[in-house]
Amino acid sequence: MTRRTDWSGSEDGYGRAADDAENRRGHRGREDSGGPSSSRDGTGPPRTPEEQARAICLRLLTGAARTRSQLADALRKRDIPEDVADAVLSRYVEVGLIDDAAFADAWVESRHHGRGLARRALARELRTKGVESEVIDEAVGRLDSEQEEATARELVERKLRTTRGLDRDKRLRRLAGMLARKGYPQGLALRVVRQALEDEGEDPELLEQWAQD
């Protein structure tokens, strides 16, 4: 799966960019006011809603990459006016501090390879983070069916050892259920599980009967 952006060290990258942006703003603010300002030099709370919004977003982005929707929710909870929040967020999108497409690409790659999640589960997670549907479709579309099936087989292979000693029905239910929880379609899950059990010597006709029931 081709990645849109290199997400390794993303938190550090976002943090450095955020610090640079804040330093530039603070320097301009001191020049404009003729001296240091308590709202900009860290000795007091920000004085305006815009300054508060910037401070909240930069703090959150320094800790981890966030979607625009996540940041908007954070600003709403802090009672930042909607027009101010929208202006600040739009500016951060413009300068690249917020990039939902890059976030979605990195999320798909990390959660698929790290947790073995299938496209359906990945799309569901991205929706909960407020990523737009077309961005989600493009990100999960980079994970093709062959890769998804290969990952399902790897998951079953790892889990197979823990089911040895159980009867056939329990093994089928446990393995297929594991794949279902990770978002794999039922047909794919049953096919992969049946093949794995056949490779261990289970009767393929009995497995087929179970699947049809």
N, C-alpha and C. Protein backbone atom coordinates (compact mmCIF):
# COMPACT_ATOMS: atom_id res chain seq x y z
N MET A 1 0.86 -1.19 0.00
CA MET A 1 0.00 0.00 0.00
C MET A 1 0.88 1.23 0.00
N THR A 2 0.74 2.10 -0.95
CA THR A 2 1.55 3.31 -1.06
C THR A 2 1.05 4.35 -0.08
N ARG A 3 1.96 4.91 0.67
CA ARG A 3 1.55 5.91 1.64
C ARG A 3 1.62 7.30 1.03
N ARG A 4 0.66 8.15 1.41
CA ARG A 4 0.66 9.52 0.94
C ARG A 4 1.79 10.31 1.57
N THR A 5 2.13 9.98 2.82
CA THR A 5 3.15 10.74 3.52
C THR A 5 3.86 9.85 4.50
N ASP A 6 5.08 10.18 4.85
CA ASP A 6 5.82 9.42 5.85
C ASP A 6 5.36 9.87 7.22
N TRP A 7 4.72 8.96 7.94
CA TRP A 7 4.11 9.32 9.23
C TRP A 7 5.02 8.96 10.39
N SER A 8 6.16 8.30 10.12
CA SER A 8 7.03 7.94 11.23
C SER A 8 7.52 9.22 11.87
N GLY A 9 7.38 9.28 13.20
CA GLY A 9 7.75 10.49 13.92
C GLY A 9 6.78 11.61 13.68
N SER A 10 5.54 11.30 13.35
CA SER A 10 4.58 12.34 13.01
C SER A 10 4.34 13.29 14.15
N GLU A 11 4.33 12.76 15.38
CA GLU A 11 4.07 13.63 16.52
C GLU A 11 5.19 14.66 16.64
N ASP A 12 6.46 14.22 16.47
CA ASP A 12 7.56 15.15 16.55
C ASP A 12 7.50 16.17 15.43
N GLY A 13 7.15 15.70 14.23
CA GLY A 13 7.07 16.62 13.10
C GLY A 13 6.01 17.67 13.30
N TYR A 14 4.84 17.26 13.75
CA TYR A 14 3.79 18.21 14.01
C TYR A 14 4.20 19.15 15.13
N GLY A 15 4.86 18.61 16.15
CA GLY A 15 5.26 19.44 17.28
C GLY A 15 6.23 20.52 16.87
N ARG A 16 7.24 20.14 16.06
CA ARG A 16 8.21 21.14 15.62
C ARG A 16 7.55 22.21 14.76
N ALA A 17 6.69 21.78 13.86
CA ALA A 17 6.00 22.76 13.01
C ALA A 17 5.13 23.68 13.84
N ALA A 18 4.46 23.12 14.83
CA ALA A 18 3.61 23.93 15.70
C ALA A 18 4.43 24.93 16.48
N ASP A 19 5.57 24.49 17.04
CA ASP A 19 6.41 25.40 17.81
C ASP A 19 6.93 26.52 16.94
N ASP A 20 7.37 26.18 15.71
CA ASP A 20 7.86 27.22 14.81
C ASP A 20 6.78 28.24 14.51
N ALA A 21 5.57 27.75 14.24
CA ALA A 21 4.47 28.67 13.94
C ALA A 21 4.18 29.56 15.13
N GLU A 22 4.18 29.00 16.33
CA GLU A 22 3.88 29.80 17.52
C GLU A 22 4.99 30.81 17.78
N ASN A 23 6.25 30.41 17.58
CA ASN A 23 7.36 31.33 17.79
C ASN A 23 7.29 32.51 16.84
N ARG A 24 6.92 32.23 15.57
CA ARG A 24 6.80 33.32 14.61
C ARG A 24 5.70 34.28 15.02
N ARG A 25 4.57 33.73 15.47
CA ARG A 25 3.47 34.60 15.88
C ARG A 25 3.85 35.42 17.11
N GLY A 26 4.55 34.78 18.06
CA GLY A 26 4.93 35.49 19.27
C GLY A 26 5.89 36.62 18.97
N HIS A 27 6.83 36.39 18.04
CA HIS A 27 7.80 37.42 17.68
C HIS A 27 7.09 38.60 17.03
N ARG A 28 6.16 38.32 16.12
CA ARG A 28 5.42 39.42 15.47
C ARG A 28 4.59 40.18 16.49
N GLY A 29 4.02 39.46 17.44
CA GLY A 29 3.19 40.12 18.44
C GLY A 29 3.99 41.08 19.28
N ARG A 30 5.22 40.72 19.66
CA ARG A 30 6.03 41.62 20.47
C ARG A 30 6.44 42.85 19.68
N GLU A 31 6.72 42.65 18.37
CA GLU A 31 7.07 43.81 17.54
C GLU A 31 5.89 44.76 17.41
N ASP A 32 4.69 44.20 17.22
CA ASP A 32 3.52 45.05 17.03
C ASP A 32 3.19 45.82 18.29
N SER A 33 3.39 45.22 19.46
CA SER A 33 2.98 45.87 20.70
C SER A 33 4.07 46.73 21.30
N GLY A 34 5.29 46.63 20.73
CA GLY A 34 6.39 47.42 21.26
C GLY A 34 7.04 46.78 22.46
N GLY A 35 6.66 45.61 22.85
CA GLY A 35 7.26 44.96 24.01
C GLY A 35 6.61 43.64 24.25
N PRO A 36 7.09 42.91 25.26
CA PRO A 36 6.51 41.60 25.53
C PRO A 36 5.08 41.70 26.00
N SER A 37 4.29 40.68 25.66
CA SER A 37 2.88 40.62 26.06
C SER A 37 2.67 39.41 26.93
N SER A 38 1.95 39.56 28.01
CA SER A 38 1.71 38.44 28.92
C SER A 38 0.93 37.35 28.24
N SER A 39 0.15 37.68 27.20
CA SER A 39 -0.64 36.67 26.53
C SER A 39 0.17 35.86 25.54
N ARG A 40 1.37 36.37 25.20
CA ARG A 40 2.16 35.69 24.18
C ARG A 40 3.47 35.11 24.70
N ASP A 41 3.96 35.59 25.85
CA ASP A 41 5.26 35.11 26.31
C ASP A 41 5.13 34.01 27.35
N GLY A 42 3.91 33.51 27.57
CA GLY A 42 3.73 32.37 28.46
C GLY A 42 3.56 32.74 29.92
N THR A 43 3.53 34.04 30.26
CA THR A 43 3.40 34.44 31.67
C THR A 43 1.95 34.64 32.08
N GLY A 44 1.02 34.51 31.15
CA GLY A 44 -0.38 34.70 31.49
C GLY A 44 -1.26 34.04 30.46
N PRO A 45 -2.54 33.93 30.72
CA PRO A 45 -3.45 33.29 29.77
C PRO A 45 -3.65 34.14 28.52
N PRO A 46 -3.89 33.51 27.37
CA PRO A 46 -4.17 34.28 26.16
C PRO A 46 -5.34 35.23 26.38
N ARG A 47 -5.28 36.39 25.74
CA ARG A 47 -6.28 37.42 26.01
C ARG A 47 -7.47 37.36 25.07
N THR A 48 -7.29 36.81 23.89
CA THR A 48 -8.38 36.81 22.91
C THR A 48 -8.79 35.38 22.58
N PRO A 49 -10.03 35.20 22.08
CA PRO A 49 -10.46 33.85 21.66
C PRO A 49 -9.54 33.25 20.61
N GLU A 50 -9.02 34.07 19.69
CA GLU A 50 -8.13 33.54 18.66
C GLU A 50 -6.85 33.01 19.28
N GLU A 51 -6.29 33.75 20.22
CA GLU A 51 -5.07 33.28 20.89
C GLU A 51 -5.34 32.01 21.68
N GLN A 52 -6.49 31.95 22.33
CA GLN A 52 -6.84 30.74 23.07
C GLN A 52 -6.96 29.55 22.11
N ALA A 53 -7.61 29.77 20.97
CA ALA A 53 -7.79 28.70 20.00
C ALA A 53 -6.45 28.20 19.48
N ARG A 54 -5.55 29.13 19.16
CA ARG A 54 -4.23 28.73 18.69
C ARG A 54 -3.49 27.92 19.75
N ALA A 55 -3.56 28.38 20.98
CA ALA A 55 -2.85 27.68 22.06
C ALA A 55 -3.39 26.27 22.26
N ILE A 56 -4.70 26.12 22.21
CA ILE A 56 -5.32 24.80 22.40
C ILE A 56 -4.90 23.86 21.26
N CYS A 57 -4.99 24.34 20.03
CA CYS A 57 -4.66 23.50 18.88
C CYS A 57 -3.19 23.10 18.88
N LEU A 58 -2.31 24.06 19.15
CA LEU A 58 -0.89 23.75 19.14
C LEU A 58 -0.52 22.76 20.22
N ARG A 59 -1.14 22.90 21.37
CA ARG A 59 -0.86 21.94 22.44
C ARG A 59 -1.28 20.54 22.06
N LEU A 60 -2.46 20.41 21.46
CA LEU A 60 -2.96 19.10 21.06
C LEU A 60 -2.13 18.51 19.91
N LEU A 61 -1.75 19.35 18.95
CA LEU A 61 -0.98 18.87 17.82
C LEU A 61 0.44 18.49 18.22
N THR A 62 0.96 19.13 19.25
CA THR A 62 2.29 18.76 19.73
C THR A 62 2.28 17.36 20.32
N GLY A 63 1.17 16.98 20.94
CA GLY A 63 1.08 15.65 21.54
C GLY A 63 0.86 14.55 20.54
N ALA A 64 0.09 14.81 19.48
CA ALA A 64 -0.22 13.78 18.47
C ALA A 64 -0.91 14.44 17.30
N ALA A 65 -0.88 13.77 16.15
CA ALA A 65 -1.62 14.27 14.99
C ALA A 65 -3.12 14.21 15.29
N ARG A 66 -3.86 15.18 14.81
CA ARG A 66 -5.30 15.24 15.03
C ARG A 66 -6.01 15.61 13.73
N THR A 67 -7.26 15.21 13.64
CA THR A 67 -8.07 15.64 12.50
C THR A 67 -8.66 17.01 12.79
N ARG A 68 -9.14 17.65 11.74
CA ARG A 68 -9.77 18.95 11.93
C ARG A 68 -10.99 18.80 12.84
N SER A 69 -11.76 17.75 12.67
CA SER A 69 -12.95 17.56 13.49
C SER A 69 -12.60 17.39 14.96
N GLN A 70 -11.54 16.65 15.25
CA GLN A 70 -11.13 16.48 16.64
C GLN A 70 -10.75 17.81 17.28
N LEU A 71 -10.03 18.63 16.54
CA LEU A 71 -9.64 19.93 17.06
C LEU A 71 -10.86 20.85 17.22
N ALA A 72 -11.77 20.78 16.26
CA ALA A 72 -12.98 21.59 16.36
C ALA A 72 -13.78 21.21 17.60
N ASP A 73 -13.86 19.92 17.90
CA ASP A 73 -14.56 19.48 19.11
C ASP A 73 -13.88 20.03 20.36
N ALA A 74 -12.55 20.01 20.37
CA ALA A 74 -11.81 20.52 21.52
C ALA A 74 -12.06 22.01 21.72
N LEU A 75 -12.10 22.76 20.64
CA LEU A 75 -12.35 24.20 20.73
C LEU A 75 -13.78 24.48 21.19
N ARG A 76 -14.71 23.67 20.72
CA ARG A 76 -16.10 23.84 21.11
C ARG A 76 -16.28 23.61 22.61
N LYS A 77 -15.59 22.61 23.13
CA LYS A 77 -15.68 22.32 24.57
C LYS A 77 -15.09 23.44 25.41
N ARG A 78 -14.17 24.21 24.82
CA ARG A 78 -13.57 25.34 25.53
C ARG A 78 -14.29 26.65 25.24
N ASP A 79 -15.47 26.54 24.61
CA ASP A 79 -16.33 27.71 24.35
C ASP A 79 -15.66 28.74 23.44
N ILE A 80 -14.84 28.28 22.51
CA ILE A 80 -14.28 29.19 21.51
C ILE A 80 -15.37 29.47 20.47
N PRO A 81 -15.63 30.74 20.14
CA PRO A 81 -16.66 31.06 19.14
C PRO A 81 -16.42 30.29 17.83
N GLU A 82 -17.51 29.88 17.21
CA GLU A 82 -17.40 29.04 16.02
C GLU A 82 -16.64 29.72 14.90
N ASP A 83 -16.88 31.02 14.68
CA ASP A 83 -16.20 31.70 13.59
C ASP A 83 -14.70 31.81 13.84
N VAL A 84 -14.33 32.00 15.09
CA VAL A 84 -12.90 32.07 15.44
C VAL A 84 -12.26 30.71 15.24
N ALA A 85 -12.92 29.67 15.72
CA ALA A 85 -12.39 28.31 15.58
C ALA A 85 -12.21 27.95 14.12
N ASP A 86 -13.19 28.28 13.30
CA ASP A 86 -13.12 27.94 11.88
C ASP A 86 -11.96 28.66 11.21
N ALA A 87 -11.74 29.93 11.58
CA ALA A 87 -10.65 30.69 10.97
C ALA A 87 -9.30 30.11 11.36
N VAL A 88 -9.12 29.76 12.62
CA VAL A 88 -7.85 29.20 13.08
C VAL A 88 -7.61 27.84 12.43
N LEU A 89 -8.62 27.00 12.41
CA LEU A 89 -8.47 25.67 11.83
C LEU A 89 -8.18 25.75 10.33
N SER A 90 -8.85 26.65 9.64
CA SER A 90 -8.61 26.81 8.20
C SER A 90 -7.17 27.24 7.93
N ARG A 91 -6.66 28.12 8.79
CA ARG A 91 -5.28 28.57 8.63
C ARG A 91 -4.31 27.41 8.85
N TYR A 92 -4.59 26.56 9.82
CA TYR A 92 -3.71 25.44 10.10
C TYR A 92 -3.77 24.39 8.99
N VAL A 93 -4.92 24.26 8.35
CA VAL A 93 -5.02 23.39 7.17
C VAL A 93 -4.16 23.97 6.05
N GLU A 94 -4.23 25.27 5.89
CA GLU A 94 -3.50 25.94 4.81
C GLU A 94 -1.99 25.76 4.96
N VAL A 95 -1.48 25.83 6.19
CA VAL A 95 -0.03 25.72 6.39
C VAL A 95 0.42 24.28 6.61
N GLY A 96 -0.53 23.34 6.64
CA GLY A 96 -0.17 21.93 6.72
C GLY A 96 -0.09 21.36 8.12
N LEU A 97 -0.46 22.12 9.13
CA LEU A 97 -0.46 21.58 10.49
C LEU A 97 -1.62 20.60 10.70
N ILE A 98 -2.68 20.76 9.92
CA ILE A 98 -3.80 19.82 9.92
C ILE A 98 -3.89 19.24 8.52
N ASP A 99 -3.89 17.92 8.42
CA ASP A 99 -3.96 17.24 7.12
C ASP A 99 -4.73 15.94 7.32
N ASP A 100 -6.03 15.99 7.10
CA ASP A 100 -6.86 14.81 7.33
C ASP A 100 -6.52 13.66 6.39
N ALA A 101 -6.11 13.97 5.17
CA ALA A 101 -5.76 12.91 4.22
C ALA A 101 -4.52 12.16 4.69
N ALA A 102 -3.51 12.89 5.13
CA ALA A 102 -2.30 12.25 5.64
C ALA A 102 -2.60 11.47 6.91
N PHE A 103 -3.45 12.04 7.75
CA PHE A 103 -3.85 11.33 8.98
C PHE A 103 -4.51 10.00 8.62
N ALA A 104 -5.44 10.02 7.67
CA ALA A 104 -6.17 8.81 7.30
C ALA A 104 -5.23 7.76 6.70
N ASP A 105 -4.32 8.18 5.83
CA ASP A 105 -3.36 7.24 5.25
C ASP A 105 -2.52 6.57 6.33
N ALA A 106 -2.02 7.37 7.25
CA ALA A 106 -1.17 6.84 8.31
C ALA A 106 -1.97 5.93 9.24
N TRP A 107 -3.22 6.31 9.51
CA TRP A 107 -4.07 5.50 10.39
C TRP A 107 -4.31 4.11 9.77
N VAL A 108 -4.62 4.09 8.49
CA VAL A 108 -4.88 2.82 7.81
C VAL A 108 -3.64 1.93 7.85
N GLU A 109 -2.49 2.49 7.52
CA GLU A 109 -1.28 1.67 7.50
C GLU A 109 -0.92 1.18 8.90
N SER A 110 -1.00 2.06 9.87
CA SER A 110 -0.61 1.68 11.23
C SER A 110 -1.57 0.65 11.83
N ARG A 111 -2.86 0.87 11.69
CA ARG A 111 -3.84 -0.01 12.32
C ARG A 111 -3.99 -1.33 11.57
N HIS A 112 -3.73 -1.32 10.27
CA HIS A 112 -3.80 -2.58 9.54
C HIS A 112 -2.60 -3.46 9.88
N HIS A 113 -1.42 -2.88 9.80
CA HIS A 113 -0.22 -3.68 10.05
C HIS A 113 -0.02 -3.94 11.54
N GLY A 114 -0.45 -3.02 12.38
CA GLY A 114 -0.24 -3.19 13.80
C GLY A 114 -1.31 -4.02 14.49
N ARG A 115 -2.58 -3.85 14.08
CA ARG A 115 -3.69 -4.54 14.73
C ARG A 115 -4.41 -5.52 13.81
N GLY A 116 -4.06 -5.52 12.53
CA GLY A 116 -4.69 -6.43 11.59
C GLY A 116 -6.11 -6.05 11.23
N LEU A 117 -6.48 -4.78 11.37
CA LEU A 117 -7.85 -4.37 11.08
C LEU A 117 -8.11 -4.37 9.58
N ALA A 118 -9.31 -4.77 9.20
CA ALA A 118 -9.72 -4.78 7.80
C ALA A 118 -10.29 -3.41 7.40
N ARG A 119 -10.56 -3.27 6.12
CA ARG A 119 -10.99 -1.97 5.61
C ARG A 119 -12.26 -1.47 6.28
N ARG A 120 -13.20 -2.37 6.53
CA ARG A 120 -14.46 -1.94 7.14
C ARG A 120 -14.24 -1.36 8.54
N ALA A 121 -13.40 -2.01 9.33
CA ALA A 121 -13.13 -1.52 10.68
C ALA A 121 -12.34 -0.22 10.63
N LEU A 122 -11.42 -0.12 9.70
CA LEU A 122 -10.63 1.10 9.57
C LEU A 122 -11.51 2.28 9.18
N ALA A 123 -12.41 2.07 8.25
CA ALA A 123 -13.33 3.13 7.84
C ALA A 123 -14.20 3.58 9.01
N ARG A 124 -14.65 2.63 9.81
CA ARG A 124 -15.48 2.96 10.97
C ARG A 124 -14.70 3.82 11.97
N GLU A 125 -13.45 3.47 12.22
CA GLU A 125 -12.64 4.25 13.15
C GLU A 125 -12.42 5.67 12.63
N LEU A 126 -12.12 5.79 11.35
CA LEU A 126 -11.88 7.12 10.79
C LEU A 126 -13.13 7.98 10.82
N ARG A 127 -14.29 7.37 10.64
CA ARG A 127 -15.54 8.14 10.73
C ARG A 127 -15.72 8.71 12.13
N THR A 128 -15.36 7.93 13.15
CA THR A 128 -15.51 8.43 14.52
C THR A 128 -14.58 9.61 14.79
N LYS A 129 -13.54 9.77 13.99
CA LYS A 129 -12.61 10.87 14.15
C LYS A 129 -12.96 12.05 13.26
N GLY A 130 -14.09 11.94 12.57
CA GLY A 130 -14.58 13.07 11.79
C GLY A 130 -13.97 13.22 10.42
N VAL A 131 -13.32 12.20 9.91
CA VAL A 131 -12.73 12.29 8.57
C VAL A 131 -13.85 12.15 7.53
N GLU A 132 -13.78 12.95 6.49
CA GLU A 132 -14.82 12.95 5.47
C GLU A 132 -14.81 11.65 4.68
N SER A 133 -15.98 11.29 4.17
CA SER A 133 -16.16 9.99 3.51
C SER A 133 -15.23 9.79 2.33
N GLU A 134 -15.06 10.82 1.49
CA GLU A 134 -14.22 10.65 0.32
C GLU A 134 -12.75 10.45 0.70
N VAL A 135 -12.34 11.09 1.79
CA VAL A 135 -10.97 10.91 2.27
C VAL A 135 -10.78 9.50 2.82
N ILE A 136 -11.79 9.02 3.53
CA ILE A 136 -11.75 7.65 4.05
C ILE A 136 -11.68 6.64 2.91
N ASP A 137 -12.53 6.84 1.90
CA ASP A 137 -12.56 5.90 0.78
C ASP A 137 -11.21 5.81 0.09
N GLU A 138 -10.57 6.95 -0.07
CA GLU A 138 -9.27 6.96 -0.74
C GLU A 138 -8.22 6.26 0.13
N ALA A 139 -8.26 6.51 1.43
CA ALA A 139 -7.25 5.92 2.32
C ALA A 139 -7.40 4.40 2.41
N VAL A 140 -8.62 3.92 2.65
CA VAL A 140 -8.80 2.46 2.78
C VAL A 140 -8.69 1.78 1.42
N GLY A 141 -8.91 2.54 0.35
CA GLY A 141 -8.77 1.96 -0.97
C GLY A 141 -7.34 1.60 -1.32
N ARG A 142 -6.39 2.16 -0.59
CA ARG A 142 -4.99 1.82 -0.81
C ARG A 142 -4.66 0.43 -0.28
N LEU A 143 -5.55 -0.09 0.56
CA LEU A 143 -5.40 -1.44 1.07
C LEU A 143 -6.21 -2.37 0.17
N ASP A 144 -5.54 -3.16 -0.66
CA ASP A 144 -6.28 -3.96 -1.64
C ASP A 144 -6.74 -5.29 -1.03
N SER A 145 -7.59 -5.99 -1.78
CA SER A 145 -8.18 -7.24 -1.30
C SER A 145 -7.14 -8.32 -1.03
N GLU A 146 -6.12 -8.37 -1.86
CA GLU A 146 -5.09 -9.39 -1.66
C GLU A 146 -4.34 -9.17 -0.35
N GLN A 147 -4.02 -7.92 -0.06
CA GLN A 147 -3.32 -7.63 1.19
C GLN A 147 -4.21 -7.92 2.39
N GLU A 148 -5.50 -7.57 2.27
CA GLU A 148 -6.44 -7.82 3.35
C GLU A 148 -6.56 -9.32 3.63
N GLU A 149 -6.66 -10.13 2.58
CA GLU A 149 -6.77 -11.58 2.77
C GLU A 149 -5.48 -12.15 3.35
N ALA A 150 -4.34 -11.66 2.90
CA ALA A 150 -3.06 -12.15 3.43
C ALA A 150 -2.95 -11.86 4.92
N THR A 151 -3.41 -10.69 5.32
CA THR A 151 -3.38 -10.34 6.74
C THR A 151 -4.32 -11.23 7.54
N ALA A 152 -5.50 -11.51 6.97
CA ALA A 152 -6.45 -12.40 7.64
C ALA A 152 -5.83 -13.78 7.86
N ARG A 153 -5.11 -14.27 6.89
CA ARG A 153 -4.47 -15.58 7.02
C ARG A 153 -3.39 -15.56 8.11
N GLU A 154 -2.66 -14.48 8.19
CA GLU A 154 -1.63 -14.36 9.22
C GLU A 154 -2.27 -14.34 10.61
N LEU A 155 -3.38 -13.62 10.74
CA LEU A 155 -4.07 -13.56 12.02
C LEU A 155 -4.56 -14.93 12.45
N VAL A 156 -5.15 -15.66 11.51
CA VAL A 156 -5.66 -17.00 11.81
C VAL A 156 -4.51 -17.94 12.18
N GLU A 157 -3.43 -17.84 11.46
CA GLU A 157 -2.28 -18.71 11.73
C GLU A 157 -1.76 -18.48 13.16
N ARG A 158 -1.71 -17.23 13.58
CA ARG A 158 -1.22 -16.95 14.93
C ARG A 158 -2.21 -17.44 16.00
N LYS A 159 -3.49 -17.29 15.71
CA LYS A 159 -4.52 -17.66 16.68
C LYS A 159 -4.75 -19.17 16.70
N LEU A 160 -4.42 -19.84 15.62
CA LEU A 160 -4.72 -21.26 15.47
C LEU A 160 -4.13 -22.09 16.61
N ARG A 161 -2.92 -21.73 17.00
CA ARG A 161 -2.25 -22.52 18.04
C ARG A 161 -3.03 -22.53 19.35
N THR A 162 -3.69 -21.43 19.66
CA THR A 162 -4.40 -21.33 20.94
C THR A 162 -5.71 -22.10 20.94
N THR A 163 -6.15 -22.57 19.76
CA THR A 163 -7.43 -23.29 19.69
C THR A 163 -7.23 -24.80 19.61
N ARG A 164 -6.01 -25.23 19.53
CA ARG A 164 -5.77 -26.67 19.45
C ARG A 164 -6.22 -27.33 20.74
N GLY A 165 -6.93 -28.45 20.60
CA GLY A 165 -7.50 -29.11 21.75
C GLY A 165 -8.99 -28.86 21.90
N LEU A 166 -9.49 -27.81 21.21
CA LEU A 166 -10.94 -27.55 21.21
C LEU A 166 -11.59 -28.36 20.09
N ASP A 167 -12.91 -28.55 20.21
CA ASP A 167 -13.57 -29.27 19.12
C ASP A 167 -13.69 -28.37 17.90
N ARG A 168 -14.02 -28.99 16.77
CA ARG A 168 -14.01 -28.29 15.50
C ARG A 168 -14.93 -27.08 15.50
N ASP A 169 -16.15 -27.21 16.01
CA ASP A 169 -17.10 -26.12 15.99
C ASP A 169 -16.60 -24.91 16.78
N LYS A 170 -16.05 -25.18 17.95
CA LYS A 170 -15.53 -24.08 18.77
C LYS A 170 -14.37 -23.37 18.08
N ARG A 171 -13.53 -24.14 17.44
CA ARG A 171 -12.40 -23.54 16.73
C ARG A 171 -12.89 -22.65 15.59
N LEU A 172 -13.85 -23.14 14.84
CA LEU A 172 -14.40 -22.35 13.74
C LEU A 172 -15.01 -21.05 14.25
N ARG A 173 -15.83 -21.16 15.30
CA ARG A 173 -16.50 -19.97 15.82
C ARG A 173 -15.50 -18.97 16.38
N ARG A 174 -14.51 -19.48 17.09
CA ARG A 174 -13.54 -18.58 17.71
C ARG A 174 -12.69 -17.87 16.67
N LEU A 175 -12.23 -18.59 15.68
CA LEU A 175 -11.38 -17.98 14.66
C LEU A 175 -12.16 -17.03 13.75
N ALA A 176 -13.34 -17.46 13.33
CA ALA A 176 -14.17 -16.60 12.48
C ALA A 176 -14.62 -15.36 13.25
N GLY A 177 -14.93 -15.54 14.53
CA GLY A 177 -15.34 -14.40 15.34
C GLY A 177 -14.23 -13.39 15.51
N MET A 178 -13.00 -13.86 15.65
CA MET A 178 -11.86 -12.96 15.75
C MET A 178 -11.73 -12.10 14.51
N LEU A 179 -11.87 -12.71 13.33
CA LEU A 179 -11.78 -11.94 12.10
C LEU A 179 -12.95 -10.98 11.95
N ALA A 180 -14.14 -11.41 12.35
CA ALA A 180 -15.32 -10.54 12.24
C ALA A 180 -15.14 -9.29 13.09
N ARG A 181 -14.59 -9.44 14.30
CA ARG A 181 -14.38 -8.29 15.18
C ARG A 181 -13.39 -7.30 14.59
N LYS A 182 -12.52 -7.77 13.74
CA LYS A 182 -11.54 -6.89 13.10
C LYS A 182 -12.04 -6.34 11.76
N GLY A 183 -13.30 -6.63 11.45
CA GLY A 183 -13.91 -6.02 10.28
C GLY A 183 -13.84 -6.81 9.00
N TYR A 184 -13.43 -8.08 9.05
CA TYR A 184 -13.35 -8.87 7.83
C TYR A 184 -14.73 -9.39 7.43
N PRO A 185 -15.05 -9.39 6.15
CA PRO A 185 -16.35 -9.90 5.69
C PRO A 185 -16.51 -11.37 6.06
N GLN A 186 -17.75 -11.78 6.28
CA GLN A 186 -18.02 -13.15 6.72
C GLN A 186 -17.50 -14.19 5.72
N GLY A 187 -17.75 -13.94 4.44
CA GLY A 187 -17.31 -14.90 3.43
C GLY A 187 -15.80 -15.10 3.44
N LEU A 188 -15.07 -14.01 3.52
CA LEU A 188 -13.61 -14.10 3.57
C LEU A 188 -13.16 -14.81 4.84
N ALA A 189 -13.77 -14.45 5.97
CA ALA A 189 -13.38 -15.04 7.25
C ALA A 189 -13.56 -16.55 7.23
N LEU A 190 -14.72 -17.02 6.77
CA LEU A 190 -14.98 -18.46 6.75
C LEU A 190 -14.06 -19.19 5.78
N ARG A 191 -13.79 -18.58 4.65
CA ARG A 191 -12.91 -19.22 3.67
C ARG A 191 -11.50 -19.39 4.24
N VAL A 192 -11.00 -18.35 4.87
CA VAL A 192 -9.65 -18.39 5.44
C VAL A 192 -9.57 -19.40 6.58
N VAL A 193 -10.58 -19.41 7.45
CA VAL A 193 -10.57 -20.32 8.58
C VAL A 193 -10.68 -21.77 8.12
N ARG A 194 -11.59 -22.04 7.16
CA ARG A 194 -11.74 -23.40 6.66
C ARG A 194 -10.44 -23.92 6.06
N GLN A 195 -9.76 -23.05 5.30
CA GLN A 195 -8.51 -23.47 4.67
C GLN A 195 -7.45 -23.78 5.73
N ALA A 196 -7.40 -22.96 6.77
CA ALA A 196 -6.40 -23.19 7.82
C ALA A 196 -6.66 -24.50 8.55
N LEU A 197 -7.95 -24.80 8.81
CA LEU A 197 -8.28 -26.04 9.51
C LEU A 197 -8.09 -27.26 8.61
N GLU A 198 -8.38 -27.11 7.33
CA GLU A 198 -8.11 -28.21 6.39
C GLU A 198 -6.62 -28.53 6.36
N ASP A 199 -5.80 -27.50 6.40
CA ASP A 199 -4.35 -27.71 6.39
C ASP A 199 -3.89 -28.47 7.63
N GLU A 200 -4.71 -28.42 8.69
CA GLU A 200 -4.38 -29.16 9.91
C GLU A 200 -5.00 -30.55 9.91
N GLY A 201 -5.72 -30.89 8.85
CA GLY A 201 -6.26 -32.24 8.74
C GLY A 201 -7.74 -32.38 9.03
N GLU A 202 -8.45 -31.26 9.24
CA GLU A 202 -9.90 -31.35 9.45
C GLU A 202 -10.58 -31.77 8.16
N ASP A 203 -11.70 -32.48 8.31
CA ASP A 203 -12.46 -32.97 7.15
C ASP A 203 -13.09 -31.78 6.43
N PRO A 204 -12.73 -31.52 5.16
CA PRO A 204 -13.28 -30.36 4.44
C PRO A 204 -14.79 -30.43 4.24
N GLU A 205 -15.35 -31.64 4.11
CA GLU A 205 -16.80 -31.76 3.92
C GLU A 205 -17.54 -31.34 5.18
N LEU A 206 -17.03 -31.72 6.33
CA LEU A 206 -17.67 -31.31 7.59
C LEU A 206 -17.55 -29.81 7.79
N LEU A 207 -16.43 -29.24 7.41
CA LEU A 207 -16.26 -27.79 7.52
C LEU A 207 -17.24 -27.07 6.61
N GLU A 208 -17.45 -27.60 5.43
CA GLU A 208 -18.38 -26.98 4.49
C GLU A 208 -19.80 -27.05 5.02
N GLN A 209 -20.16 -28.18 5.61
CA GLN A 209 -21.50 -28.33 6.21
C GLN A 209 -21.70 -27.31 7.33
N TRP A 210 -20.67 -27.12 8.15
CA TRP A 210 -20.77 -26.17 9.26
C TRP A 210 -21.01 -24.76 8.73
N ALA A 211 -20.28 -24.39 7.68
CA ALA A 211 -20.39 -23.05 7.11
C ALA A 211 -21.79 -22.82 6.55
N GLN A 212 -22.38 -23.84 5.95
CA GLN A 212 -23.71 -23.69 5.38
C GLN A 212 -24.79 -23.60 6.46
N ASP A 213 -24.55 -24.27 7.59
CA ASP A 213 -25.51 -24.19 8.71
C ASP A 213 -25.50 -22.79 9.30
